[in-house]
Amino acid sequence: MFKNGFILLFCGLLLILSAKAEAEDMALIPAGECTMGLSEAKLKEVVGTLGGMKKYHDSATPAHKVNLDAFYIDKYEVTNEEYKKFVDATGAAVPLHWEEEGG
């Protein structure tokens, strides 16, 4: 019985330590309301500034309020090399613009 309790305690400590290590590389985004999407005026501005056709941005309208739960996000960007390692390890599909060299 003592052995099983010790194993559970040890596993729990490992989980806590790994969660703490992850949290140090992540930022907590608090729960709250945000605006998702663009107004028609902002959509016209974006299309005019960046070029392109409005039809490619139509799914970005209308702007509307959404409530999000709190979540963590990585503090650091993923490099192309890191992403390629992920793709190679998992067999995940790559984006259409991904080049053979991995970038």
PDB file of N, CA and C in Angstrom:
ATOM      1  N   MET A   1       0.834  -1.195   0.000  1.00  0.00           N
ATOM      2  CA  MET A   1       0.000   0.000   0.000  1.00  0.00           C
ATOM      3  C   MET A   1       0.873   1.252   0.000  1.00  0.00           C
ATOM      4  N   PHE A   2       1.913   1.272   0.842  1.00  0.00           N
ATOM      5  CA  PHE A   2       2.807   2.423   0.885  1.00  0.00           C
ATOM      6  C   PHE A   2       3.470   2.647  -0.469  1.00  0.00           C
ATOM      7  N   LYS A   3       3.860   1.545  -1.122  1.00  0.00           N
ATOM      8  CA  LYS A   3       4.525   1.641  -2.421  1.00  0.00           C
ATOM      9  C   LYS A   3       3.612   2.302  -3.456  1.00  0.00           C
ATOM     10  N   ASN A   4       2.354   1.890  -3.506  1.00  0.00           N
ATOM     11  CA  ASN A   4       1.403   2.476  -4.460  1.00  0.00           C
ATOM     12  C   ASN A   4       1.158   3.952  -4.170  1.00  0.00           C
ATOM     13  N   GLY A   5       1.059   4.296  -2.878  1.00  0.00           N
ATOM     14  CA  GLY A   5       0.865   5.695  -2.506  1.00  0.00           C
ATOM     15  C   GLY A   5       2.054   6.550  -2.905  1.00  0.00           C
ATOM     16  N   PHE A   6       3.251   6.002  -2.724  1.00  0.00           N
ATOM     17  CA  PHE A   6       4.470   6.725  -3.105  1.00  0.00           C
ATOM     18  C   PHE A   6       4.514   6.947  -4.611  1.00  0.00           C
ATOM     19  N   ILE A   7       4.149   5.929  -5.361  1.00  0.00           N
ATOM     20  CA  ILE A   7       4.146   6.048  -6.835  1.00  0.00           C
ATOM     21  C   ILE A   7       3.157   7.120  -7.265  1.00  0.00           C
ATOM     22  N   LEU A   8       1.977   7.130  -6.677  1.00  0.00           N
ATOM     23  CA  LEU A   8       0.986   8.154  -7.015  1.00  0.00           C
ATOM     24  C   LEU A   8       1.498   9.549  -6.667  1.00  0.00           C
ATOM     25  N   LEU A   9       2.106   9.690  -5.506  1.00  0.00           N
ATOM     26  CA  LEU A   9       2.653  10.979  -5.084  1.00  0.00           C
ATOM     27  C   LEU A   9       3.746  11.429  -6.050  1.00  0.00           C
ATOM     28  N   PHE A  10       4.639  10.509  -6.412  1.00  0.00           N
ATOM     29  CA  PHE A  10       5.728  10.822  -7.336  1.00  0.00           C
ATOM     30  C   PHE A  10       5.179  11.257  -8.699  1.00  0.00           C
ATOM     31  N   CYS A  11       4.189  10.532  -9.211  1.00  0.00           N
ATOM     32  CA  CYS A  11       3.579  10.892 -10.497  1.00  0.00           C
ATOM     33  C   CYS A  11       2.911  12.263 -10.416  1.00  0.00           C
ATOM     34  N   GLY A  12       2.266  12.532  -9.286  1.00  0.00           N
ATOM     35  CA  GLY A  12       1.634  13.838  -9.104  1.00  0.00           C
ATOM     36  C   GLY A  12       2.649  14.956  -9.110  1.00  0.00           C
ATOM     37  N   LEU A  13       3.780  14.740  -8.438  1.00  0.00           N
ATOM     38  CA  LEU A  13       4.847  15.751  -8.431  1.00  0.00           C
ATOM     39  C   LEU A  13       5.399  15.980  -9.832  1.00  0.00           C
ATOM     40  N   LEU A  14       5.569  14.912 -10.593  1.00  0.00           N
ATOM     41  CA  LEU A  14       6.047  15.059 -11.975  1.00  0.00           C
ATOM     42  C   LEU A  14       5.078  15.894 -12.803  1.00  0.00           C
ATOM     43  N   LEU A  15       3.794  15.647 -12.642  1.00  0.00           N
ATOM     44  CA  LEU A  15       2.796  16.423 -13.377  1.00  0.00           C
ATOM     45  C   LEU A  15       2.840  17.896 -12.992  1.00  0.00           C
ATOM     46  N   ILE A  16       2.968  18.171 -11.721  1.00  0.00           N
ATOM     47  CA  ILE A  16       3.037  19.563 -11.256  1.00  0.00           C
ATOM     48  C   ILE A  16       4.272  20.256 -11.807  1.00  0.00           C
ATOM     49  N   LEU A  17       5.413  19.576 -11.732  1.00  0.00           N
ATOM     50  CA  LEU A  17       6.657  20.176 -12.233  1.00  0.00           C
ATOM     51  C   LEU A  17       6.605  20.400 -13.742  1.00  0.00           C
ATOM     52  N   SER A  18       6.049  19.460 -14.484  1.00  0.00           N
ATOM     53  CA  SER A  18       5.971  19.648 -15.939  1.00  0.00           C
ATOM     54  C   SER A  18       4.980  20.756 -16.283  1.00  0.00           C
ATOM     55  N   ALA A  19       3.882  20.876 -15.532  1.00  0.00           N
ATOM     56  CA  ALA A  19       2.924  21.958 -15.769  1.00  0.00           C
ATOM     57  C   ALA A  19       3.569  23.304 -15.480  1.00  0.00           C
ATOM     58  N   LYS A  20       4.379  23.375 -14.420  1.00  0.00           N
ATOM     59  CA  LYS A  20       5.063  24.625 -14.091  1.00  0.00           C
ATOM     60  C   LYS A  20       6.052  24.996 -15.190  1.00  0.00           C
ATOM     61  N   ALA A  21       6.795  24.014 -15.698  1.00  0.00           N
ATOM     62  CA  ALA A  21       7.747  24.273 -16.782  1.00  0.00           C
ATOM     63  C   ALA A  21       7.016  24.769 -18.020  1.00  0.00           C
ATOM     64  N   GLU A  22       5.870  24.157 -18.334  1.00  0.00           N
ATOM     65  CA  GLU A  22       5.091  24.605 -19.481  1.00  0.00           C
ATOM     66  C   GLU A  22       4.587  26.023 -19.267  1.00  0.00           C
ATOM     67  N   ALA A  23       4.103  26.315 -18.067  1.00  0.00           N
ATOM     68  CA  ALA A  23       3.539  27.629 -17.786  1.00  0.00           C
ATOM     69  C   ALA A  23       4.589  28.724 -17.918  1.00  0.00           C
ATOM     70  N   GLU A  24       5.855  28.410 -17.647  1.00  0.00           N
ATOM     71  CA  GLU A  24       6.901  29.416 -17.776  1.00  0.00           C
ATOM     72  C   GLU A  24       7.122  29.833 -19.225  1.00  0.00           C
ATOM     73  N   ASP A  25       6.810  28.947 -20.163  1.00  0.00           N
ATOM     74  CA  ASP A  25       6.950  29.253 -21.582  1.00  0.00           C
ATOM     75  C   ASP A  25       5.626  29.686 -22.210  1.00  0.00           C
ATOM     76  N   MET A  26       4.611  29.858 -21.360  1.00  0.00           N
ATOM     77  CA  MET A  26       3.288  30.222 -21.855  1.00  0.00           C
ATOM     78  C   MET A  26       2.762  31.427 -21.085  1.00  0.00           C
ATOM     79  N   ALA A  27       1.861  32.155 -21.707  1.00  0.00           N
ATOM     80  CA  ALA A  27       1.227  33.308 -21.072  1.00  0.00           C
ATOM     81  C   ALA A  27      -0.258  33.012 -20.902  1.00  0.00           C
ATOM     82  N   LEU A  28      -0.796  33.358 -19.743  1.00  0.00           N
ATOM     83  CA  LEU A  28      -2.217  33.180 -19.478  1.00  0.00           C
ATOM     84  C   LEU A  28      -2.984  34.349 -20.076  1.00  0.00           C
ATOM     85  N   ILE A  29      -3.915  34.046 -20.942  1.00  0.00           N
ATOM     86  CA  ILE A  29      -4.830  35.053 -21.479  1.00  0.00           C
ATOM     87  C   ILE A  29      -6.107  34.931 -20.657  1.00  0.00           C
ATOM     88  N   PRO A  30      -6.478  35.988 -19.922  1.00  0.00           N
ATOM     89  CA  PRO A  30      -7.641  35.869 -19.035  1.00  0.00           C
ATOM     90  C   PRO A  30      -8.953  35.789 -19.819  1.00  0.00           C
ATOM     91  N   ALA A  31      -9.944  35.229 -19.183  1.00  0.00           N
ATOM     92  CA  ALA A  31     -11.276  35.159 -19.780  1.00  0.00           C
ATOM     93  C   ALA A  31     -11.800  36.570 -19.995  1.00  0.00           C
ATOM     94  N   GLY A  32     -12.625  36.723 -20.994  1.00  0.00           N
ATOM     95  CA  GLY A  32     -13.214  38.034 -21.231  1.00  0.00           C
ATOM     96  C   GLY A  32     -13.864  38.143 -22.594  1.00  0.00           C
ATOM     97  N   GLU A  33     -14.382  39.320 -22.855  1.00  0.00           N
ATOM     98  CA  GLU A  33     -15.070  39.601 -24.111  1.00  0.00           C
ATOM     99  C   GLU A  33     -14.086  40.218 -25.096  1.00  0.00           C
ATOM    100  N   CYS A  34     -14.221  39.835 -26.345  1.00  0.00           N
ATOM    101  CA  CYS A  34     -13.408  40.452 -27.389  1.00  0.00           C
ATOM    102  C   CYS A  34     -14.239  40.560 -28.663  1.00  0.00           C
ATOM    103  N   THR A  35     -13.751  41.370 -29.573  1.00  0.00           N
ATOM    104  CA  THR A  35     -14.421  41.523 -30.857  1.00  0.00           C
ATOM    105  C   THR A  35     -13.765  40.591 -31.864  1.00  0.00           C
ATOM    106  N   MET A  36     -14.582  39.787 -32.503  1.00  0.00           N
ATOM    107  CA  MET A  36     -14.097  38.860 -33.516  1.00  0.00           C
ATOM    108  C   MET A  36     -14.614  39.343 -34.867  1.00  0.00           C
ATOM    109  N   GLY A  37     -13.734  39.391 -35.851  1.00  0.00           N
ATOM    110  CA  GLY A  37     -14.145  39.800 -37.187  1.00  0.00           C
ATOM    111  C   GLY A  37     -13.900  41.273 -37.435  1.00  0.00           C
ATOM    112  N   LEU A  38     -14.348  41.725 -38.586  1.00  0.00           N
ATOM    113  CA  LEU A  38     -14.125  43.097 -39.023  1.00  0.00           C
ATOM    114  C   LEU A  38     -15.441  43.769 -39.388  1.00  0.00           C
ATOM    115  N   SER A  39     -15.484  45.076 -39.189  1.00  0.00           N
ATOM    116  CA  SER A  39     -16.618  45.843 -39.699  1.00  0.00           C
ATOM    117  C   SER A  39     -16.457  45.961 -41.209  1.00  0.00           C
ATOM    118  N   GLU A  40     -17.505  46.305 -41.910  1.00  0.00           N
ATOM    119  CA  GLU A  40     -17.416  46.478 -43.372  1.00  0.00           C
ATOM    120  C   GLU A  40     -16.394  47.559 -43.725  1.00  0.00           C
ATOM    121  N   ALA A  41     -16.354  48.648 -42.941  1.00  0.00           N
ATOM    122  CA  ALA A  41     -15.395  49.726 -43.206  1.00  0.00           C
ATOM    123  C   ALA A  41     -13.961  49.226 -43.047  1.00  0.00           C
ATOM    124  N   LYS A  42     -13.700  48.467 -41.974  1.00  0.00           N
ATOM    125  CA  LYS A  42     -12.354  47.939 -41.746  1.00  0.00           C
ATOM    126  C   LYS A  42     -11.990  46.919 -42.818  1.00  0.00           C
ATOM    127  N   LEU A  43     -12.959  46.125 -43.253  1.00  0.00           N
ATOM    128  CA  LEU A  43     -12.719  45.157 -44.324  1.00  0.00           C
ATOM    129  C   LEU A  43     -12.283  45.866 -45.601  1.00  0.00           C
ATOM    130  N   LYS A  44     -12.967  46.948 -45.951  1.00  0.00           N
ATOM    131  CA  LYS A  44     -12.590  47.714 -47.148  1.00  0.00           C
ATOM    132  C   LYS A  44     -11.181  48.284 -47.007  1.00  0.00           C
ATOM    133  N   GLU A  45     -10.868  48.758 -45.805  1.00  0.00           N
ATOM    134  CA  GLU A  45      -9.536  49.304 -45.549  1.00  0.00           C
ATOM    135  C   GLU A  45      -8.465  48.218 -45.705  1.00  0.00           C
ATOM    136  N   VAL A  46      -8.712  47.071 -45.121  1.00  0.00           N
ATOM    137  CA  VAL A  46      -7.753  45.965 -45.190  1.00  0.00           C
ATOM    138  C   VAL A  46      -7.549  45.521 -46.636  1.00  0.00           C
ATOM    139  N   VAL A  47      -8.633  45.346 -47.365  1.00  0.00           N
ATOM    140  CA  VAL A  47      -8.526  44.914 -48.759  1.00  0.00           C
ATOM    141  C   VAL A  47      -7.816  45.979 -49.584  1.00  0.00           C
ATOM    142  N   GLY A  48      -8.118  47.253 -49.318  1.00  0.00           N
ATOM    143  CA  GLY A  48      -7.469  48.333 -50.059  1.00  0.00           C
ATOM    144  C   GLY A  48      -5.988  48.447 -49.745  1.00  0.00           C
ATOM    145  N   THR A  49      -5.618  48.259 -48.491  1.00  0.00           N
ATOM    146  CA  THR A  49      -4.227  48.384 -48.071  1.00  0.00           C
ATOM    147  C   THR A  49      -3.398  47.176 -48.483  1.00  0.00           C
ATOM    148  N   LEU A  50      -3.945  46.011 -48.262  1.00  0.00           N
ATOM    149  CA  LEU A  50      -3.188  44.785 -48.521  1.00  0.00           C
ATOM    150  C   LEU A  50      -3.379  44.245 -49.932  1.00  0.00           C
ATOM    151  N   GLY A  51      -4.345  44.771 -50.621  1.00  0.00           N
ATOM    152  CA  GLY A  51      -4.644  44.240 -51.951  1.00  0.00           C
ATOM    153  C   GLY A  51      -5.464  42.968 -51.822  1.00  0.00           C
ATOM    154  N   GLY A  52      -5.671  42.327 -52.920  1.00  0.00           N
ATOM    155  CA  GLY A  52      -6.450  41.096 -52.888  1.00  0.00           C
ATOM    156  C   GLY A  52      -7.909  41.379 -53.171  1.00  0.00           C
ATOM    157  N   MET A  53      -8.674  40.330 -53.141  1.00  0.00           N
ATOM    158  CA  MET A  53     -10.090  40.439 -53.479  1.00  0.00           C
ATOM    159  C   MET A  53     -10.932  40.299 -52.218  1.00  0.00           C
ATOM    160  N   LYS A  54     -12.003  41.060 -52.162  1.00  0.00           N
ATOM    161  CA  LYS A  54     -12.878  41.067 -50.997  1.00  0.00           C
ATOM    162  C   LYS A  54     -13.421  39.673 -50.688  1.00  0.00           C
ATOM    163  N   LYS A  55     -13.679  38.866 -51.712  1.00  0.00           N
ATOM    164  CA  LYS A  55     -14.290  37.552 -51.471  1.00  0.00           C
ATOM    165  C   LYS A  55     -13.432  36.663 -50.566  1.00  0.00           C
ATOM    166  N   TYR A  56     -12.118  36.895 -50.542  1.00  0.00           N
ATOM    167  CA  TYR A  56     -11.248  36.088 -49.693  1.00  0.00           C
ATOM    168  C   TYR A  56     -11.343  36.484 -48.224  1.00  0.00           C
ATOM    169  N   HIS A  57     -11.961  37.625 -47.947  1.00  0.00           N
ATOM    170  CA  HIS A  57     -12.058  38.124 -46.568  1.00  0.00           C
ATOM    171  C   HIS A  57     -13.498  38.184 -46.075  1.00  0.00           C
ATOM    172  N   ASP A  58     -14.453  37.754 -46.892  1.00  0.00           N
ATOM    173  CA  ASP A  58     -15.856  37.848 -46.507  1.00  0.00           C
ATOM    174  C   ASP A  58     -16.182  37.104 -45.217  1.00  0.00           C
ATOM    175  N   SER A  59     -15.471  36.028 -44.933  1.00  0.00           N
ATOM    176  CA  SER A  59     -15.766  35.272 -43.710  1.00  0.00           C
ATOM    177  C   SER A  59     -15.333  36.025 -42.455  1.00  0.00           C
ATOM    178  N   ALA A  60     -14.639  37.146 -42.629  1.00  0.00           N
ATOM    179  CA  ALA A  60     -14.183  37.938 -41.483  1.00  0.00           C
ATOM    180  C   ALA A  60     -15.245  38.921 -41.004  1.00  0.00           C
ATOM    181  N   THR A  61     -16.384  38.994 -41.669  1.00  0.00           N
ATOM    182  CA  THR A  61     -17.440  39.911 -41.262  1.00  0.00           C
ATOM    183  C   THR A  61     -18.693  39.114 -40.909  1.00  0.00           C
ATOM    184  N   PRO A  62     -19.573  39.660 -40.145  1.00  0.00           N
ATOM    185  CA  PRO A  62     -19.500  40.957 -39.487  1.00  0.00           C
ATOM    186  C   PRO A  62     -18.707  40.856 -38.179  1.00  0.00           C
ATOM    187  N   ALA A  63     -18.256  41.998 -37.703  1.00  0.00           N
ATOM    188  CA  ALA A  63     -17.618  42.046 -36.392  1.00  0.00           C
ATOM    189  C   ALA A  63     -18.679  41.735 -35.340  1.00  0.00           C
ATOM    190  N   HIS A  64     -18.314  40.925 -34.354  1.00  0.00           N
ATOM    191  CA  HIS A  64     -19.258  40.581 -33.293  1.00  0.00           C
ATOM    192  C   HIS A  64     -18.500  40.273 -32.013  1.00  0.00           C
ATOM    193  N   LYS A  65     -19.180  40.430 -30.895  1.00  0.00           N
ATOM    194  CA  LYS A  65     -18.589  40.195 -29.582  1.00  0.00           C
ATOM    195  C   LYS A  65     -18.682  38.708 -29.241  1.00  0.00           C
ATOM    196  N   VAL A  66     -17.602  38.170 -28.678  1.00  0.00           N
ATOM    197  CA  VAL A  66     -17.592  36.796 -28.195  1.00  0.00           C
ATOM    198  C   VAL A  66     -16.958  36.767 -26.813  1.00  0.00           C
ATOM    199  N   ASN A  67     -17.376  35.826 -25.997  1.00  0.00           N
ATOM    200  CA  ASN A  67     -16.787  35.621 -24.674  1.00  0.00           C
ATOM    201  C   ASN A  67     -15.895  34.397 -24.738  1.00  0.00           C
ATOM    202  N   LEU A  68     -14.653  34.562 -24.329  1.00  0.00           N
ATOM    203  CA  LEU A  68     -13.688  33.474 -24.346  1.00  0.00           C
ATOM    204  C   LEU A  68     -13.328  33.049 -22.929  1.00  0.00           C
ATOM    205  N   ASP A  69     -13.142  31.759 -22.753  1.00  0.00           N
ATOM    206  CA  ASP A  69     -12.599  31.246 -21.506  1.00  0.00           C
ATOM    207  C   ASP A  69     -11.120  31.612 -21.445  1.00  0.00           C
ATOM    208  N   ALA A  70     -10.551  31.589 -20.276  1.00  0.00           N
ATOM    209  CA  ALA A  70      -9.113  31.816 -20.122  1.00  0.00           C
ATOM    210  C   ALA A  70      -8.368  30.692 -20.839  1.00  0.00           C
ATOM    211  N   PHE A  71      -7.200  31.018 -21.385  1.00  0.00           N
ATOM    212  CA  PHE A  71      -6.391  29.997 -22.050  1.00  0.00           C
ATOM    213  C   PHE A  71      -4.930  30.414 -22.010  1.00  0.00           C
ATOM    214  N   TYR A  72      -4.063  29.446 -22.242  1.00  0.00           N
ATOM    215  CA  TYR A  72      -2.633  29.698 -22.312  1.00  0.00           C
ATOM    216  C   TYR A  72      -2.204  29.727 -23.772  1.00  0.00           C
ATOM    217  N   ILE A  73      -1.220  30.576 -24.059  1.00  0.00           N
ATOM    218  CA  ILE A  73      -0.656  30.650 -25.403  1.00  0.00           C
ATOM    219  C   ILE A  73       0.864  30.686 -25.261  1.00  0.00           C
ATOM    220  N   ASP A  74       1.550  30.075 -26.200  1.00  0.00           N
ATOM    221  CA  ASP A  74       3.014  30.075 -26.148  1.00  0.00           C
ATOM    222  C   ASP A  74       3.547  31.498 -26.196  1.00  0.00           C
ATOM    223  N   LYS A  75       4.604  31.756 -25.441  1.00  0.00           N
ATOM    224  CA  LYS A  75       5.246  33.074 -25.447  1.00  0.00           C
ATOM    225  C   LYS A  75       6.145  33.252 -26.661  1.00  0.00           C
ATOM    226  N   TYR A  76       6.613  32.148 -27.210  1.00  0.00           N
ATOM    227  CA  TYR A  76       7.604  32.224 -28.275  1.00  0.00           C
ATOM    228  C   TYR A  76       7.064  31.583 -29.555  1.00  0.00           C
ATOM    229  N   GLU A  77       7.415  32.171 -30.669  1.00  0.00           N
ATOM    230  CA  GLU A  77       6.977  31.643 -31.955  1.00  0.00           C
ATOM    231  C   GLU A  77       7.637  30.300 -32.240  1.00  0.00           C
ATOM    232  N   VAL A  78       6.990  29.506 -33.053  1.00  0.00           N
ATOM    233  CA  VAL A  78       7.553  28.247 -33.509  1.00  0.00           C
ATOM    234  C   VAL A  78       8.354  28.534 -34.767  1.00  0.00           C
ATOM    235  N   THR A  79       9.582  28.047 -34.819  1.00  0.00           N
ATOM    236  CA  THR A  79      10.400  28.262 -36.012  1.00  0.00           C
ATOM    237  C   THR A  79       9.998  27.264 -37.093  1.00  0.00           C
ATOM    238  N   ASN A  80      10.409  27.544 -38.310  1.00  0.00           N
ATOM    239  CA  ASN A  80      10.147  26.607 -39.404  1.00  0.00           C
ATOM    240  C   ASN A  80      10.802  25.259 -39.121  1.00  0.00           C
ATOM    241  N   GLU A  81      11.995  25.291 -38.542  1.00  0.00           N
ATOM    242  CA  GLU A  81      12.695  24.043 -38.223  1.00  0.00           C
ATOM    243  C   GLU A  81      11.906  23.222 -37.195  1.00  0.00           C
ATOM    244  N   GLU A  82      11.392  23.888 -36.161  1.00  0.00           N
ATOM    245  CA  GLU A  82      10.590  23.192 -35.156  1.00  0.00           C
ATOM    246  C   GLU A  82       9.317  22.631 -35.774  1.00  0.00           C
ATOM    247  N   TYR A  83       8.694  23.423 -36.653  1.00  0.00           N
ATOM    248  CA  TYR A  83       7.462  22.974 -37.304  1.00  0.00           C
ATOM    249  C   TYR A  83       7.743  21.764 -38.194  1.00  0.00           C
ATOM    250  N   LYS A  84       8.869  21.781 -38.907  1.00  0.00           N
ATOM    251  CA  LYS A  84       9.227  20.652 -39.772  1.00  0.00           C
ATOM    252  C   LYS A  84       9.448  19.392 -38.938  1.00  0.00           C
ATOM    253  N   LYS A  85      10.070  19.523 -37.767  1.00  0.00           N
ATOM    254  CA  LYS A  85      10.263  18.368 -36.881  1.00  0.00           C
ATOM    255  C   LYS A  85       8.909  17.800 -36.467  1.00  0.00           C
ATOM    256  N   PHE A  86       7.960  18.687 -36.156  1.00  0.00           N
ATOM    257  CA  PHE A  86       6.609  18.260 -35.800  1.00  0.00           C
ATOM    258  C   PHE A  86       5.957  17.514 -36.958  1.00  0.00           C
ATOM    259  N   VAL A  87       6.049  18.085 -38.172  1.00  0.00           N
ATOM    260  CA  VAL A  87       5.447  17.458 -39.346  1.00  0.00           C
ATOM    261  C   VAL A  87       6.072  16.086 -39.594  1.00  0.00           C
ATOM    262  N   ASP A  88       7.402  16.007 -39.521  1.00  0.00           N
ATOM    263  CA  ASP A  88       8.099  14.743 -39.748  1.00  0.00           C
ATOM    264  C   ASP A  88       7.718  13.696 -38.701  1.00  0.00           C
ATOM    265  N   ALA A  89       7.560  14.137 -37.452  1.00  0.00           N
ATOM    266  CA  ALA A  89       7.255  13.202 -36.365  1.00  0.00           C
ATOM    267  C   ALA A  89       5.814  12.713 -36.391  1.00  0.00           C
ATOM    268  N   THR A  90       4.891  13.574 -36.851  1.00  0.00           N
ATOM    269  CA  THR A  90       3.468  13.223 -36.773  1.00  0.00           C
ATOM    270  C   THR A  90       2.843  12.873 -38.109  1.00  0.00           C
ATOM    271  N   GLY A  91       3.511  13.251 -39.206  1.00  0.00           N
ATOM    272  CA  GLY A  91       2.910  13.028 -40.522  1.00  0.00           C
ATOM    273  C   GLY A  91       1.784  14.006 -40.812  1.00  0.00           C
ATOM    274  N   ALA A  92       1.727  15.104 -40.064  1.00  0.00           N
ATOM    275  CA  ALA A  92       0.677  16.108 -40.260  1.00  0.00           C
ATOM    276  C   ALA A  92       0.774  16.713 -41.661  1.00  0.00           C
ATOM    277  N   ALA A  93      -0.359  17.111 -42.195  1.00  0.00           N
ATOM    278  CA  ALA A  93      -0.385  17.764 -43.500  1.00  0.00           C
ATOM    279  C   ALA A  93       0.239  19.152 -43.378  1.00  0.00           C
ATOM    280  N   VAL A  94       0.982  19.547 -44.382  1.00  0.00           N
ATOM    281  CA  VAL A  94       1.618  20.863 -44.374  1.00  0.00           C
ATOM    282  C   VAL A  94       0.733  21.860 -45.117  1.00  0.00           C
ATOM    283  N   PRO A  95       0.888  23.161 -44.831  1.00  0.00           N
ATOM    284  CA  PRO A  95       0.111  24.170 -45.540  1.00  0.00           C
ATOM    285  C   PRO A  95       0.453  24.165 -47.038  1.00  0.00           C
ATOM    286  N   LEU A  96      -0.453  24.676 -47.850  1.00  0.00           N
ATOM    287  CA  LEU A  96      -0.246  24.705 -49.302  1.00  0.00           C
ATOM    288  C   LEU A  96       1.010  25.469 -49.687  1.00  0.00           C
ATOM    289  N   HIS A  97       1.356  26.508 -48.929  1.00  0.00           N
ATOM    290  CA  HIS A  97       2.518  27.336 -49.285  1.00  0.00           C
ATOM    291  C   HIS A  97       3.838  26.759 -48.791  1.00  0.00           C
ATOM    292  N   TRP A  98       3.800  25.641 -48.067  1.00  0.00           N
ATOM    293  CA  TRP A  98       5.025  25.058 -47.509  1.00  0.00           C
ATOM    294  C   TRP A  98       5.940  24.599 -48.643  1.00  0.00           C
ATOM    295  N   GLU A  99       7.186  24.960 -48.566  1.00  0.00           N
ATOM    296  CA  GLU A  99       8.150  24.611 -49.602  1.00  0.00           C
ATOM    297  C   GLU A  99       8.927  23.366 -49.203  1.00  0.00           C
ATOM    298  N   GLU A 100       9.534  22.730 -50.181  1.00  0.00           N
ATOM    299  CA  GLU A 100      10.304  21.514 -49.949  1.00  0.00           C
ATOM    300  C   GLU A 100      11.395  21.712 -48.908  1.00  0.00           C
ATOM    301  N   GLU A 101      12.017  22.903 -48.888  1.00  0.00           N
ATOM    302  CA  GLU A 101      13.079  23.174 -47.930  1.00  0.00           C
ATOM    303  C   GLU A 101      12.551  23.353 -46.515  1.00  0.00           C
ATOM    304  N   GLY A 102      11.242  23.404 -46.357  1.00  0.00           N
ATOM    305  CA  GLY A 102      10.659  23.526 -45.026  1.00  0.00           C
ATOM    306  C   GLY A 102      10.491  24.944 -44.545  1.00  0.00           C
ATOM    307  N   GLY A 103      10.246  25.877 -45.456  1.00  0.00           N
ATOM    308  CA  GLY A 103      10.074  27.254 -44.999  1.00  0.00           C
ATOM    309  C   GLY A 103       9.327  28.111 -45.905  1.00  0.00           C
TER     310      GLY A 103
END
